Each structure stands twice: as C-alpha cells, then as structure tokens.
C-alpha cells in the first residue's frame, strides 16, 4: 500500500495578537473531527511540494505529531495522507 497526499481545506480557530501575529489553536477536519494545535514550531512563507499551493506554512504539533498547516490567502489546508 502506498501513501499519497491530497489537499484538504479545513476550518481553523485562531488567535491574533495586538501586533498582528496569528496563532492557530484548533482545526476542524472535513469529517467534523476537531484537532487541537499543541504547539507552533515554525512559521514561514513556503510552498506545499506534496499537494501544490503556496502561502504561510505553520509547522504544528497535533496529537504529538509534527505536521504542516497552510494559510493560502485566508483559506487553510493540510496535506492529508490517503492510501492508494
């Protein structure tokens, strides 16, 4: 079985500080599951090489696993793994 990725747009709850910094707190996946962002490790402008798209890439920790969460001009997505 091979794992591939697809772009999945998600709802994101976030905090915005008075100086304009954005911190994602939770995301709601397409099946309705809610995931808490435990930590934001890095924020940078980057491209998703797995599913396409470019924007602000947040390296986040969710359920103890590091993952990328992208803000593509106000539309948030993750690189979801799917078996093929």
PDB file of N, CA and C in Angstrom:
ATOM      1  N   UNK A   1       0.853  -1.185   0.000  1.00  0.00           N
ATOM      2  CA  UNK A   1       0.000   0.000   0.000  1.00  0.00           C
ATOM      3  C   UNK A   1       0.894   1.242   0.000  1.00  0.00           C
ATOM      4  N   UNK A   2       0.562   2.172  -0.854  1.00  0.00           N
ATOM      5  CA  UNK A   2       1.320   3.400  -0.987  1.00  0.00           C
ATOM      6  C   UNK A   2       0.520   4.563  -0.429  1.00  0.00           C
ATOM      7  N   UNK A   3       1.196   5.490   0.259  1.00  0.00           N
ATOM      8  CA  UNK A   3       0.518   6.673   0.772  1.00  0.00           C
ATOM      9  C   UNK A   3       0.772   7.859  -0.145  1.00  0.00           C
ATOM     10  N   UNK A   4      -0.289   8.522  -0.511  1.00  0.00           N
ATOM     11  CA  UNK A   4      -0.206   9.758  -1.279  1.00  0.00           C
ATOM     12  C   UNK A   4      -0.855  10.849  -0.458  1.00  0.00           C
ATOM     13  N   UNK A   5      -0.734  12.081  -0.913  1.00  0.00           N
ATOM     14  CA  UNK A   5      -1.325  13.209  -0.191  1.00  0.00           C
ATOM     15  C   UNK A   5      -2.321  13.943  -1.078  1.00  0.00           C
ATOM     16  N   UNK A   6      -3.302  14.530  -0.430  1.00  0.00           N
ATOM     17  CA  UNK A   6      -4.234  15.403  -1.143  1.00  0.00           C
ATOM     18  C   UNK A   6      -4.481  16.640  -0.284  1.00  0.00           C
ATOM     19  N   UNK A   7      -4.832  17.721  -0.933  1.00  0.00           N
ATOM     20  CA  UNK A   7      -5.103  18.976  -0.250  1.00  0.00           C
ATOM     21  C   UNK A   7      -6.503  18.928   0.349  1.00  0.00           C
ATOM     22  N   UNK A   8      -6.589  19.160   1.659  1.00  0.00           N
ATOM     23  CA  UNK A   8      -7.874  19.184   2.347  1.00  0.00           C
ATOM     24  C   UNK A   8      -8.010  20.539   3.038  1.00  0.00           C
ATOM     25  N   UNK A   9      -9.010  21.309   2.635  1.00  0.00           N
ATOM     26  CA  UNK A   9      -9.274  22.595   3.279  1.00  0.00           C
ATOM     27  C   UNK A   9      -9.973  22.342   4.614  1.00  0.00           C
ATOM     28  N   UNK A  10      -9.568  23.100   5.631  1.00  0.00           N
ATOM     29  CA  UNK A  10     -10.084  22.910   6.989  1.00  0.00           C
ATOM     30  C   UNK A  10     -10.511  24.249   7.577  1.00  0.00           C
ATOM     31  N   UNK A  11     -11.434  24.182   8.552  1.00  0.00           N
ATOM     32  CA  UNK A  11     -11.785  25.355   9.341  1.00  0.00           C
ATOM     33  C   UNK A  11     -10.748  25.491  10.439  1.00  0.00           C
ATOM     34  N   UNK A  12     -10.312  26.725  10.716  1.00  0.00           N
ATOM     35  CA  UNK A  12      -9.285  26.951  11.731  1.00  0.00           C
ATOM     36  C   UNK A  12      -9.759  28.010  12.711  1.00  0.00           C
ATOM     37  N   UNK A  13      -9.620  27.709  14.001  1.00  0.00           N
ATOM     38  CA  UNK A  13      -9.822  28.708  15.056  1.00  0.00           C
ATOM     39  C   UNK A  13      -8.446  29.238  15.405  1.00  0.00           C
ATOM     40  N   UNK A  14      -8.330  30.555  15.484  1.00  0.00           N
ATOM     41  CA  UNK A  14      -7.015  31.120  15.737  1.00  0.00           C
ATOM     42  C   UNK A  14      -7.087  32.344  16.624  1.00  0.00           C
ATOM     43  N   UNK A  15      -5.950  32.699  17.184  1.00  0.00           N
ATOM     44  CA  UNK A  15      -5.786  33.929  17.943  1.00  0.00           C
ATOM     45  C   UNK A  15      -4.956  34.881  17.105  1.00  0.00           C
ATOM     46  N   UNK A  16      -5.269  36.152  17.205  1.00  0.00           N
ATOM     47  CA  UNK A  16      -4.468  37.188  16.566  1.00  0.00           C
ATOM     48  C   UNK A  16      -4.047  38.158  17.663  1.00  0.00           C
ATOM     49  N   UNK A  17      -2.736  38.360  17.804  1.00  0.00           N
ATOM     50  CA  UNK A  17      -2.233  39.248  18.842  1.00  0.00           C
ATOM     51  C   UNK A  17      -2.398  40.701  18.419  1.00  0.00           C
ATOM     52  N   UNK A  18      -2.241  41.598  19.371  1.00  0.00           N
ATOM     53  CA  UNK A  18      -2.409  43.017  19.065  1.00  0.00           C
ATOM     54  C   UNK A  18      -1.372  43.522  18.074  1.00  0.00           C
ATOM     55  N   UNK A  19      -0.235  42.823  17.945  1.00  0.00           N
ATOM     56  CA  UNK A  19       0.754  43.229  16.943  1.00  0.00           C
ATOM     57  C   UNK A  19       0.597  42.469  15.622  1.00  0.00           C
ATOM     58  N   UNK A  20      -0.517  41.695  15.483  1.00  0.00           N
ATOM     59  CA  UNK A  20      -0.850  41.086  14.202  1.00  0.00           C
ATOM     60  C   UNK A  20      -0.375  39.668  13.978  1.00  0.00           C
ATOM     61  N   UNK A  21       0.291  39.068  14.960  1.00  0.00           N
ATOM     62  CA  UNK A  21       0.732  37.683  14.789  1.00  0.00           C
ATOM     63  C   UNK A  21      -0.459  36.722  14.916  1.00  0.00           C
ATOM     64  N   UNK A  22      -0.475  35.710  14.061  1.00  0.00           N
ATOM     65  CA  UNK A  22      -1.563  34.733  14.019  1.00  0.00           C
ATOM     66  C   UNK A  22      -1.076  33.434  14.635  1.00  0.00           C
ATOM     67  N   UNK A  23      -1.926  32.857  15.502  1.00  0.00           N
ATOM     68  CA  UNK A  23      -1.601  31.555  16.105  1.00  0.00           C
ATOM     69  C   UNK A  23      -2.807  30.635  15.962  1.00  0.00           C
ATOM     70  N   UNK A  24      -2.692  29.598  15.116  1.00  0.00           N
ATOM     71  CA  UNK A  24      -3.791  28.639  15.015  1.00  0.00           C
ATOM     72  C   UNK A  24      -3.931  27.856  16.319  1.00  0.00           C
ATOM     73  N   UNK A  25      -5.170  27.633  16.758  1.00  0.00           N
ATOM     74  CA  UNK A  25      -5.442  26.925  18.014  1.00  0.00           C
ATOM     75  C   UNK A  25      -6.093  25.564  17.800  1.00  0.00           C
ATOM     76  N   UNK A  26      -7.042  25.492  16.863  1.00  0.00           N
ATOM     77  CA  UNK A  26      -7.765  24.253  16.580  1.00  0.00           C
ATOM     78  C   UNK A  26      -8.093  24.211  15.099  1.00  0.00           C
ATOM     79  N   UNK A  27      -8.254  22.984  14.594  1.00  0.00           N
ATOM     80  CA  UNK A  27      -8.750  22.868  13.229  1.00  0.00           C
ATOM     81  C   UNK A  27      -9.836  21.807  13.190  1.00  0.00           C
ATOM     82  N   UNK A  28     -10.786  22.022  12.304  1.00  0.00           N
ATOM     83  CA  UNK A  28     -11.875  21.066  12.097  1.00  0.00           C
ATOM     84  C   UNK A  28     -11.674  20.431  10.737  1.00  0.00           C
ATOM     85  N   UNK A  29     -11.477  19.110  10.753  1.00  0.00           N
ATOM     86  CA  UNK A  29     -11.238  18.342   9.538  1.00  0.00           C
ATOM     87  C   UNK A  29     -12.555  18.147   8.791  1.00  0.00           C
ATOM     88  N   UNK A  30     -12.484  17.685   7.553  1.00  0.00           N
ATOM     89  CA  UNK A  30     -13.676  17.561   6.709  1.00  0.00           C
ATOM     90  C   UNK A  30     -14.721  16.603   7.271  1.00  0.00           C
ATOM     91  N   UNK A  31     -14.317  15.654   8.124  1.00  0.00           N
ATOM     92  CA  UNK A  31     -15.284  14.729   8.726  1.00  0.00           C
ATOM     93  C   UNK A  31     -15.875  15.262  10.031  1.00  0.00           C
ATOM     94  N   UNK A  32     -15.512  16.494  10.403  1.00  0.00           N
ATOM     95  CA  UNK A  32     -16.027  17.115  11.619  1.00  0.00           C
ATOM     96  C   UNK A  32     -15.138  16.949  12.828  1.00  0.00           C
ATOM     97  N   UNK A  33     -14.103  16.127  12.731  1.00  0.00           N
ATOM     98  CA  UNK A  33     -13.183  15.940  13.852  1.00  0.00           C
ATOM     99  C   UNK A  33     -12.450  17.242  14.156  1.00  0.00           C
ATOM    100  N   UNK A  34     -12.274  17.505  15.445  1.00  0.00           N
ATOM    101  CA  UNK A  34     -11.561  18.709  15.876  1.00  0.00           C
ATOM    102  C   UNK A  34     -10.217  18.303  16.461  1.00  0.00           C
ATOM    103  N   UNK A  35      -9.171  18.983  16.028  1.00  0.00           N
ATOM    104  CA  UNK A  35      -7.811  18.713  16.476  1.00  0.00           C
ATOM    105  C   UNK A  35      -7.239  19.976  17.113  1.00  0.00           C
ATOM    106  N   UNK A  36      -6.627  19.815  18.278  1.00  0.00           N
ATOM    107  CA  UNK A  36      -6.022  20.929  18.999  1.00  0.00           C
ATOM    108  C   UNK A  36      -4.572  21.074  18.558  1.00  0.00           C
ATOM    109  N   UNK A  37      -4.169  22.302  18.256  1.00  0.00           N
ATOM    110  CA  UNK A  37      -2.779  22.592  17.928  1.00  0.00           C
ATOM    111  C   UNK A  37      -2.043  22.751  19.258  1.00  0.00           C
ATOM    112  N   UNK A  38      -1.186  21.794  19.571  1.00  0.00           N
ATOM    113  CA  UNK A  38      -0.479  21.786  20.840  1.00  0.00           C
ATOM    114  C   UNK A  38       0.695  22.762  20.853  1.00  0.00           C
ATOM    115  N   UNK A  39       1.315  22.935  19.690  1.00  0.00           N
ATOM    116  CA  UNK A  39       2.478  23.804  19.605  1.00  0.00           C
ATOM    117  C   UNK A  39       2.652  24.286  18.169  1.00  0.00           C
ATOM    118  N   UNK A  40       3.099  25.528  18.010  1.00  0.00           N
ATOM    119  CA  UNK A  40       3.521  26.049  16.707  1.00  0.00           C
ATOM    120  C   UNK A  40       5.039  26.136  16.762  1.00  0.00           C
ATOM    121  N   UNK A  41       5.710  25.346  15.932  1.00  0.00           N
ATOM    122  CA  UNK A  41       7.168  25.265  15.979  1.00  0.00           C
ATOM    123  C   UNK A  41       7.848  26.231  15.017  1.00  0.00           C
ATOM    124  N   UNK A  42       7.164  26.559  13.908  1.00  0.00           N
ATOM    125  CA  UNK A  42       7.794  27.404  12.896  1.00  0.00           C
ATOM    126  C   UNK A  42       6.708  28.034  12.037  1.00  0.00           C
ATOM    127  N   UNK A  43       6.988  29.234  11.551  1.00  0.00           N
ATOM    128  CA  UNK A  43       6.093  29.926  10.628  1.00  0.00           C
ATOM    129  C   UNK A  43       6.964  30.521   9.527  1.00  0.00           C
ATOM    130  N   UNK A  44       6.616  30.218   8.275  1.00  0.00           N
ATOM    131  CA  UNK A  44       7.386  30.774   7.151  1.00  0.00           C
ATOM    132  C   UNK A  44       6.549  30.747   5.882  1.00  0.00           C
ATOM    133  N   UNK A  45       6.930  31.565   4.928  1.00  0.00           N
ATOM    134  CA  UNK A  45       6.305  31.542   3.606  1.00  0.00           C
ATOM    135  C   UNK A  45       6.897  30.353   2.869  1.00  0.00           C
ATOM    136  N   UNK A  46       6.038  29.443   2.405  1.00  0.00           N
ATOM    137  CA  UNK A  46       6.557  28.239   1.763  1.00  0.00           C
ATOM    138  C   UNK A  46       5.522  27.643   0.825  1.00  0.00           C
ATOM    139  N   UNK A  47       5.989  26.734   0.013  1.00  0.00           N
ATOM    140  CA  UNK A  47       5.161  26.011  -0.952  1.00  0.00           C
ATOM    141  C   UNK A  47       4.896  24.606  -0.437  1.00  0.00           C
ATOM    142  N   UNK A  48       3.720  24.085  -0.716  1.00  0.00           N
ATOM    143  CA  UNK A  48       3.438  22.683  -0.436  1.00  0.00           C
ATOM    144  C   UNK A  48       3.924  21.878  -1.624  1.00  0.00           C
ATOM    145  N   UNK A  49       4.983  21.130  -1.434  1.00  0.00           N
ATOM    146  CA  UNK A  49       5.529  20.339  -2.535  1.00  0.00           C
ATOM    147  C   UNK A  49       4.735  19.056  -2.755  1.00  0.00           C
ATOM    148  N   UNK A  50       3.902  18.673  -1.774  1.00  0.00           N
ATOM    149  CA  UNK A  50       3.139  17.432  -1.891  1.00  0.00           C
ATOM    150  C   UNK A  50       1.814  17.611  -2.616  1.00  0.00           C
ATOM    151  N   UNK A  51       1.117  18.750  -2.388  1.00  0.00           N
ATOM    152  CA  UNK A  51      -0.227  18.905  -2.954  1.00  0.00           C
ATOM    153  C   UNK A  51      -0.411  20.204  -3.727  1.00  0.00           C
ATOM    154  N   UNK A  52       0.621  21.015  -3.814  1.00  0.00           N
ATOM    155  CA  UNK A  52       0.530  22.285  -4.518  1.00  0.00           C
ATOM    156  C   UNK A  52      -0.048  23.367  -3.636  1.00  0.00           C
ATOM    157  N   UNK A  53       0.190  24.572  -3.990  1.00  0.00           N
ATOM    158  CA  UNK A  53      -0.267  25.713  -3.218  1.00  0.00           C
ATOM    159  C   UNK A  53       0.906  26.376  -2.518  1.00  0.00           C
ATOM    160  N   UNK A  54       0.721  27.655  -2.204  1.00  0.00           N
ATOM    161  CA  UNK A  54       1.780  28.421  -1.554  1.00  0.00           C
ATOM    162  C   UNK A  54       1.139  29.401  -0.601  1.00  0.00           C
ATOM    163  N   UNK A  55       1.826  29.675   0.477  1.00  0.00           N
ATOM    164  CA  UNK A  55       1.305  30.619   1.461  1.00  0.00           C
ATOM    165  C   UNK A  55       2.129  30.574   2.730  1.00  0.00           C
ATOM    166  N   UNK A  56       1.518  30.907   3.837  1.00  0.00           N
ATOM    167  CA  UNK A  56       2.198  30.835   5.122  1.00  0.00           C
ATOM    168  C   UNK A  56       2.075  29.407   5.640  1.00  0.00           C
ATOM    169  N   UNK A  57       3.227  28.784   5.890  1.00  0.00           N
ATOM    170  CA  UNK A  57       3.241  27.401   6.364  1.00  0.00           C
ATOM    171  C   UNK A  57       3.553  27.394   7.859  1.00  0.00           C
ATOM    172  N   UNK A  58       2.646  26.803   8.612  1.00  0.00           N
ATOM    173  CA  UNK A  58       2.827  26.640  10.047  1.00  0.00           C
ATOM    174  C   UNK A  58       3.243  25.197  10.305  1.00  0.00           C
ATOM    175  N   UNK A  59       4.385  25.019  10.937  1.00  0.00           N
ATOM    176  CA  UNK A  59       4.775  23.693  11.404  1.00  0.00           C
ATOM    177  C   UNK A  59       4.161  23.549  12.786  1.00  0.00           C
ATOM    178  N   UNK A  60       3.210  22.624  12.910  1.00  0.00           N
ATOM    179  CA  UNK A  60       2.451  22.494  14.148  1.00  0.00           C
ATOM    180  C   UNK A  60       2.588  21.080  14.714  1.00  0.00           C
ATOM    181  N   UNK A  61       2.294  20.960  16.008  1.00  0.00           N
ATOM    182  CA  UNK A  61       2.241  19.657  16.654  1.00  0.00           C
ATOM    183  C   UNK A  61       0.787  19.404  17.035  1.00  0.00           C
ATOM    184  N   UNK A  62       0.242  18.288  16.537  1.00  0.00           N
ATOM    185  CA  UNK A  62      -1.135  17.866  16.826  1.00  0.00           C
ATOM    186  C   UNK A  62      -1.072  16.407  17.249  1.00  0.00           C
ATOM    187  N   UNK A  63      -1.604  16.121  18.421  1.00  0.00           N
ATOM    188  CA  UNK A  63      -1.569  14.753  18.979  1.00  0.00           C
ATOM    189  C   UNK A  63      -0.154  14.193  19.004  1.00  0.00           C
ATOM    190  N   UNK A  64       0.804  15.052  19.301  1.00  0.00           N
ATOM    191  CA  UNK A  64       2.196  14.632  19.419  1.00  0.00           C
ATOM    192  C   UNK A  64       2.944  14.470  18.113  1.00  0.00           C
ATOM    193  N   UNK A  65       2.282  14.725  16.980  1.00  0.00           N
ATOM    194  CA  UNK A  65       2.912  14.564  15.666  1.00  0.00           C
ATOM    195  C   UNK A  65       3.080  15.921  14.983  1.00  0.00           C
ATOM    196  N   UNK A  66       4.227  16.096  14.365  1.00  0.00           N
ATOM    197  CA  UNK A  66       4.503  17.318  13.621  1.00  0.00           C
ATOM    198  C   UNK A  66       3.832  17.251  12.260  1.00  0.00           C
ATOM    199  N   UNK A  67       3.226  18.369  11.858  1.00  0.00           N
ATOM    200  CA  UNK A  67       2.505  18.435  10.591  1.00  0.00           C
ATOM    201  C   UNK A  67       2.570  19.864  10.067  1.00  0.00           C
ATOM    202  N   UNK A  68       2.191  20.048   8.804  1.00  0.00           N
ATOM    203  CA  UNK A  68       2.110  21.382   8.219  1.00  0.00           C
ATOM    204  C   UNK A  68       0.653  21.797   8.089  1.00  0.00           C
ATOM    205  N   UNK A  69       0.419  23.062   8.398  1.00  0.00           N
ATOM    206  CA  UNK A  69      -0.879  23.710   8.216  1.00  0.00           C
ATOM    207  C   UNK A  69      -0.604  24.967   7.406  1.00  0.00           C
ATOM    208  N   UNK A  70      -1.288  25.110   6.284  1.00  0.00           N
ATOM    209  CA  UNK A  70      -1.025  26.226   5.371  1.00  0.00           C
ATOM    210  C   UNK A  70      -2.163  27.230   5.380  1.00  0.00           C
ATOM    211  N   UNK A  71      -1.802  28.516   5.365  1.00  0.00           N
ATOM    212  CA  UNK A  71      -2.747  29.611   5.153  1.00  0.00           C
ATOM    213  C   UNK A  71      -2.488  30.136   3.747  1.00  0.00           C
ATOM    214  N   UNK A  72      -3.426  29.829   2.863  1.00  0.00           N
ATOM    215  CA  UNK A  72      -3.314  30.199   1.451  1.00  0.00           C
ATOM    216  C   UNK A  72      -4.272  31.363   1.202  1.00  0.00           C
ATOM    217  N   UNK A  73      -3.838  32.570   1.570  1.00  0.00           N
ATOM    218  CA  UNK A  73      -4.667  33.776   1.411  1.00  0.00           C
ATOM    219  C   UNK A  73      -6.018  33.654   2.112  1.00  0.00           C
ATOM    220  N   UNK A  74      -5.996  33.179   3.369  1.00  0.00           N
ATOM    221  CA  UNK A  74      -7.220  33.077   4.149  1.00  0.00           C
ATOM    222  C   UNK A  74      -7.943  31.750   4.047  1.00  0.00           C
ATOM    223  N   UNK A  75      -7.500  30.878   3.148  1.00  0.00           N
ATOM    224  CA  UNK A  75      -8.038  29.514   3.054  1.00  0.00           C
ATOM    225  C   UNK A  75      -6.975  28.583   3.622  1.00  0.00           C
ATOM    226  N   UNK A  76      -7.354  27.807   4.637  1.00  0.00           N
ATOM    227  CA  UNK A  76      -6.415  26.949   5.347  1.00  0.00           C
ATOM    228  C   UNK A  76      -6.521  25.521   4.836  1.00  0.00           C
ATOM    229  N   UNK A  77      -5.362  24.853   4.674  1.00  0.00           N
ATOM    230  CA  UNK A  77      -5.379  23.455   4.250  1.00  0.00           C
ATOM    231  C   UNK A  77      -4.276  22.651   4.897  1.00  0.00           C
ATOM    232  N   UNK A  78      -4.464  21.330   4.876  1.00  0.00           N
ATOM    233  CA  UNK A  78      -3.439  20.377   5.324  1.00  0.00           C
ATOM    234  C   UNK A  78      -3.156  19.422   4.185  1.00  0.00           C
ATOM    235  N   UNK A  79      -2.013  18.740   4.287  1.00  0.00           N
ATOM    236  CA  UNK A  79      -1.636  17.707   3.334  1.00  0.00           C
ATOM    237  C   UNK A  79      -2.101  16.372   3.931  1.00  0.00           C
ATOM    238  N   UNK A  80      -3.266  15.908   3.518  1.00  0.00           N
ATOM    239  CA  UNK A  80      -3.846  14.681   4.084  1.00  0.00           C
ATOM    240  C   UNK A  80      -3.279  13.450   3.384  1.00  0.00           C
ATOM    241  N   UNK A  81      -2.915  12.468   4.172  1.00  0.00           N
ATOM    242  CA  UNK A  81      -2.397  11.219   3.621  1.00  0.00           C
ATOM    243  C   UNK A  81      -3.567  10.288   3.281  1.00  0.00           C
ATOM    244  N   UNK A  82      -3.493   9.701   2.099  1.00  0.00           N
ATOM    245  CA  UNK A  82      -4.517   8.749   1.664  1.00  0.00           C
ATOM    246  C   UNK A  82      -3.821   7.518   1.083  1.00  0.00           C
ATOM    247  N   UNK A  83      -4.361   6.354   1.356  1.00  0.00           N
ATOM    248  CA  UNK A  83      -3.802   5.119   0.821  1.00  0.00           C
ATOM    249  C   UNK A  83      -4.234   4.940  -0.623  1.00  0.00           C
ATOM    250  N   UNK A  84      -3.326   4.432  -1.433  1.00  0.00           N
ATOM    251  CA  UNK A  84      -3.670   4.186  -2.848  1.00  0.00           C
ATOM    252  C   UNK A  84      -3.260   2.796  -3.256  1.00  0.00           C
TER     253      UNK A  84
END
